[in-house]
């Protein structure tokens, strides 16, 4: 890791750029120029990585993961900038946002593992199936009949629609509402 810091902080590395140079670079990037993206990468990758290393307190894997996400956002949303300081500010906002999103995702994942981790995978799956069965048992008979025809008997939407004298769109809509109802009830039972 020290070698990475030395490379990032190497003396003589030009950090600033003239206004016309930034305007040219960002304009070409916005048009999708490959050479401009290569130049951007050479000029800003290490600098952004160093910024993220500071924010992650040296956790290189987290910094690199956030940087990859930030690079995708940069490529997708790049626009013309006249000044290097404005461009750098925009880059750091995207990098910081990518890091925050990554941390939130990791926290949600860790919370889910903690919630179900004590039970083990088989017990968690059994619990999920039990909650789903309870949710299905609470359905009105006509909704349960639709679910049975579609998911247990394997009938197509067209077959169900013909049997019920409904349009396919009406059957699809009903099935969608029933699935949402099952999802919400099951999630409530899991809590």
Protein backbone atom coordinates (compact mmCIF):
# COMPACT_ATOMS: atom_id res chain seq x y z
CA UNK A 1 0.00 0.00 0.00
CA UNK A 2 2.89 2.36 0.73
CA UNK A 3 4.04 2.00 -2.89
CA UNK A 4 0.60 3.15 -3.98
CA UNK A 5 0.81 6.25 -1.78
CA UNK A 6 4.26 7.05 -3.12
CA UNK A 7 3.00 6.74 -6.69
CA UNK A 8 0.03 8.97 -5.96
CA UNK A 9 2.11 11.59 -4.24
CA UNK A 10 5.09 11.44 -6.60
CA UNK A 11 6.81 14.82 -6.96
CA UNK A 12 6.53 16.62 -10.25
CA UNK A 13 3.08 15.24 -11.04
CA UNK A 14 1.05 18.00 -12.58
CA UNK A 15 -2.28 18.35 -10.85
CA UNK A 16 -3.70 21.43 -12.50
CA UNK A 17 -4.59 22.02 -16.12
CA UNK A 18 -5.29 25.10 -18.17
CA UNK A 19 -8.92 26.08 -18.73
CA UNK A 20 -8.82 25.45 -22.47
CA UNK A 21 -7.31 22.03 -21.92
CA UNK A 22 -10.10 21.01 -19.51
CA UNK A 23 -12.77 22.37 -21.84
CA UNK A 24 -11.29 20.36 -24.71
CA UNK A 25 -10.92 17.20 -22.66
CA UNK A 26 -14.41 17.27 -21.16
CA UNK A 27 -16.01 18.20 -24.50
CA UNK A 28 -14.32 15.26 -26.20
CA UNK A 29 -15.33 12.96 -23.33
CA UNK A 30 -18.94 14.14 -23.61
CA UNK A 31 -18.83 13.25 -27.32
CA UNK A 32 -17.51 9.79 -26.42
CA UNK A 33 -13.93 10.17 -27.64
CA UNK A 34 -11.80 7.17 -26.67
CA UNK A 35 -8.57 9.14 -26.65
CA UNK A 36 -10.14 11.69 -24.31
CA UNK A 37 -11.19 8.94 -21.90
CA UNK A 38 -7.69 7.47 -22.02
CA UNK A 39 -6.23 10.90 -21.24
CA UNK A 40 -8.78 11.40 -18.45
CA UNK A 41 -7.87 8.02 -16.99
CA UNK A 42 -4.14 8.78 -17.04
CA UNK A 43 -4.67 12.20 -15.52
CA UNK A 44 -7.33 11.51 -12.87
CA UNK A 45 -7.47 7.81 -11.96
CA UNK A 46 -4.63 7.88 -9.44
CA UNK A 47 -5.76 11.22 -8.08
CA UNK A 48 -9.32 9.96 -7.50
CA UNK A 49 -7.97 6.76 -5.97
CA UNK A 50 -5.88 8.80 -3.55
CA UNK A 51 -8.93 10.88 -2.64
CA UNK A 52 -10.95 7.73 -1.95
CA UNK A 53 -8.10 6.18 0.02
CA UNK A 54 -8.25 9.17 2.34
CA UNK A 55 -12.03 8.84 2.70
CA UNK A 56 -11.81 5.09 3.37
CA UNK A 57 -8.91 5.57 5.80
CA UNK A 58 -6.62 3.44 3.68
CA UNK A 59 -8.97 0.57 2.86
CA UNK A 60 -7.67 -0.01 -0.64
CA UNK A 61 -10.28 -2.59 -1.69
CA UNK A 62 -13.14 -0.29 -0.69
CA UNK A 63 -11.50 2.68 -2.43
CA UNK A 64 -10.98 0.73 -5.65
CA UNK A 65 -14.53 -0.62 -5.63
CA UNK A 66 -15.94 2.89 -5.15
CA UNK A 67 -13.66 4.22 -7.86
CA UNK A 68 -14.93 1.68 -10.37
CA UNK A 69 -18.50 2.72 -9.63
CA UNK A 70 -17.53 6.40 -9.84
CA UNK A 71 -15.80 5.87 -13.20
CA UNK A 72 -19.00 4.41 -14.63
CA UNK A 73 -20.95 7.41 -13.38
CA UNK A 74 -18.37 9.79 -14.81
CA UNK A 75 -18.50 8.11 -18.22
CA UNK A 76 -22.28 8.22 -18.21
CA UNK A 77 -22.78 11.80 -17.04
CA UNK A 78 -19.71 13.72 -18.20
CA UNK A 79 -20.31 17.22 -19.55
CA UNK A 80 -18.17 20.15 -20.60
CA UNK A 81 -16.31 22.02 -17.86
CA UNK A 82 -14.42 25.25 -18.36
CA UNK A 83 -12.28 25.13 -15.23
CA UNK A 84 -10.25 22.32 -13.71
CA UNK A 85 -11.36 23.15 -10.16
CA UNK A 86 -15.04 22.82 -11.13
CA UNK A 87 -14.33 19.54 -12.93
CA UNK A 88 -12.38 18.19 -9.96
CA UNK A 89 -15.18 19.18 -7.58
CA UNK A 90 -17.68 17.32 -9.76
CA UNK A 91 -15.42 14.26 -9.87
CA UNK A 92 -15.04 14.20 -6.09
CA UNK A 93 -18.80 14.48 -5.59
CA UNK A 94 -19.34 11.47 -7.85
CA UNK A 95 -16.57 9.52 -6.12
CA UNK A 96 -17.85 10.35 -2.64
CA UNK A 97 -21.43 9.46 -3.65
CA UNK A 98 -20.25 6.12 -5.07
CA UNK A 99 -18.47 5.40 -1.79
CA UNK A 100 -21.55 6.30 0.28
CA UNK A 101 -23.77 4.12 -1.91
CA UNK A 102 -21.30 1.26 -1.59
CA UNK A 103 -21.23 1.59 2.20
CA UNK A 104 -25.04 1.66 2.39
CA UNK A 105 -25.25 -1.45 0.26
CA UNK A 106 -22.69 -3.20 2.44
CA UNK A 107 -24.56 -2.17 5.61
CA UNK A 108 -27.86 -3.55 4.23
CA UNK A 109 -26.13 -6.78 3.28
CA UNK A 110 -24.49 -7.09 6.72
CA UNK A 111 -27.84 -6.43 8.43
CA UNK A 112 -29.52 -9.13 6.34
CA UNK A 113 -26.74 -11.58 7.18
CA UNK A 114 -27.05 -10.75 10.83
CA UNK A 115 -30.82 -11.16 10.72
CA UNK A 116 -30.70 -14.54 9.03
CA UNK A 117 -27.18 -15.59 9.97
CA UNK A 118 -28.13 -17.03 13.33
CA UNK A 119 -30.64 -19.34 11.69
CA UNK A 120 -28.44 -20.71 8.93
CA UNK A 121 -29.46 -20.95 5.25
CA UNK A 122 -31.78 -23.97 5.58
CA UNK A 123 -33.66 -22.50 8.54
CA UNK A 124 -33.98 -19.13 6.82
CA UNK A 125 -35.40 -20.79 3.70
CA UNK A 126 -37.86 -22.82 5.80
CA UNK A 127 -38.94 -19.67 7.60
CA UNK A 128 -39.45 -17.86 4.29
CA UNK A 129 -41.57 -20.72 2.92
CA UNK A 130 -43.65 -20.83 6.10
CA UNK A 131 -44.35 -17.09 5.85
CA UNK A 132 -45.23 -17.44 2.18
CA UNK A 133 -47.66 -20.30 2.97
CA UNK A 134 -49.31 -18.16 5.67
CA UNK A 135 -49.63 -15.27 3.21
CA UNK A 136 -51.15 -17.53 0.57
CA UNK A 137 -53.62 -18.99 3.10
CA UNK A 138 -54.89 -15.47 3.79
CA UNK A 139 -55.79 -14.88 0.11
CA UNK A 140 -59.44 -14.83 -0.94
CA UNK A 141 -60.48 -18.02 -2.81
CA UNK A 142 -60.66 -16.37 -6.26
CA UNK A 143 -57.11 -14.97 -5.89
CA UNK A 144 -55.80 -18.32 -4.64
CA UNK A 145 -57.43 -20.02 -7.67
CA UNK A 146 -55.54 -17.67 -10.02
CA UNK A 147 -52.25 -18.40 -8.26
CA UNK A 148 -52.87 -22.15 -8.40
CA UNK A 149 -53.71 -22.08 -12.11
CA UNK A 150 -50.67 -20.01 -13.03
CA UNK A 151 -47.96 -21.30 -10.72
CA UNK A 152 -49.02 -24.78 -9.63
CA UNK A 153 -50.91 -26.08 -12.66
CA UNK A 154 -48.68 -24.22 -15.16
CA UNK A 155 -51.46 -22.66 -17.23
CA UNK A 156 -50.53 -19.76 -19.47
CA UNK A 157 -52.08 -16.33 -19.06
CA UNK A 158 -53.97 -16.89 -22.33
CA UNK A 159 -55.46 -20.15 -21.03
CA UNK A 160 -56.49 -18.56 -17.75
CA UNK A 161 -58.01 -15.58 -19.56
CA UNK A 162 -60.02 -17.83 -21.89
CA UNK A 163 -61.27 -19.93 -18.96
CA UNK A 164 -62.38 -16.88 -17.00
CA UNK A 165 -63.67 -14.95 -20.02
CA UNK A 166 -61.26 -12.07 -19.30
CA UNK A 167 -58.63 -10.31 -21.35
CA UNK A 168 -55.02 -11.41 -20.96
CA UNK A 169 -54.16 -7.92 -19.70
CA UNK A 170 -56.79 -8.22 -16.95
CA UNK A 171 -55.36 -11.57 -15.84
CA UNK A 172 -51.80 -10.20 -15.87
CA UNK A 173 -52.91 -7.19 -13.80
CA UNK A 174 -54.66 -9.38 -11.25
CA UNK A 175 -51.67 -11.69 -10.97
CA UNK A 176 -49.40 -8.69 -10.49
CA UNK A 177 -51.57 -7.30 -7.69
CA UNK A 178 -51.74 -10.70 -6.01
CA UNK A 179 -47.94 -11.10 -6.17
CA UNK A 180 -47.49 -7.65 -4.61
CA UNK A 181 -49.96 -8.54 -1.86
CA UNK A 182 -48.11 -11.79 -1.17
CA UNK A 183 -44.77 -10.00 -1.13
CA UNK A 184 -45.94 -7.37 1.39
CA UNK A 185 -47.62 -9.90 3.68
CA UNK A 186 -44.63 -12.23 3.57
CA UNK A 187 -42.20 -9.42 4.35
CA UNK A 188 -44.39 -8.29 7.26
CA UNK A 189 -44.44 -11.83 8.66
CA UNK A 190 -40.66 -12.07 8.30
CA UNK A 191 -40.20 -8.94 10.39
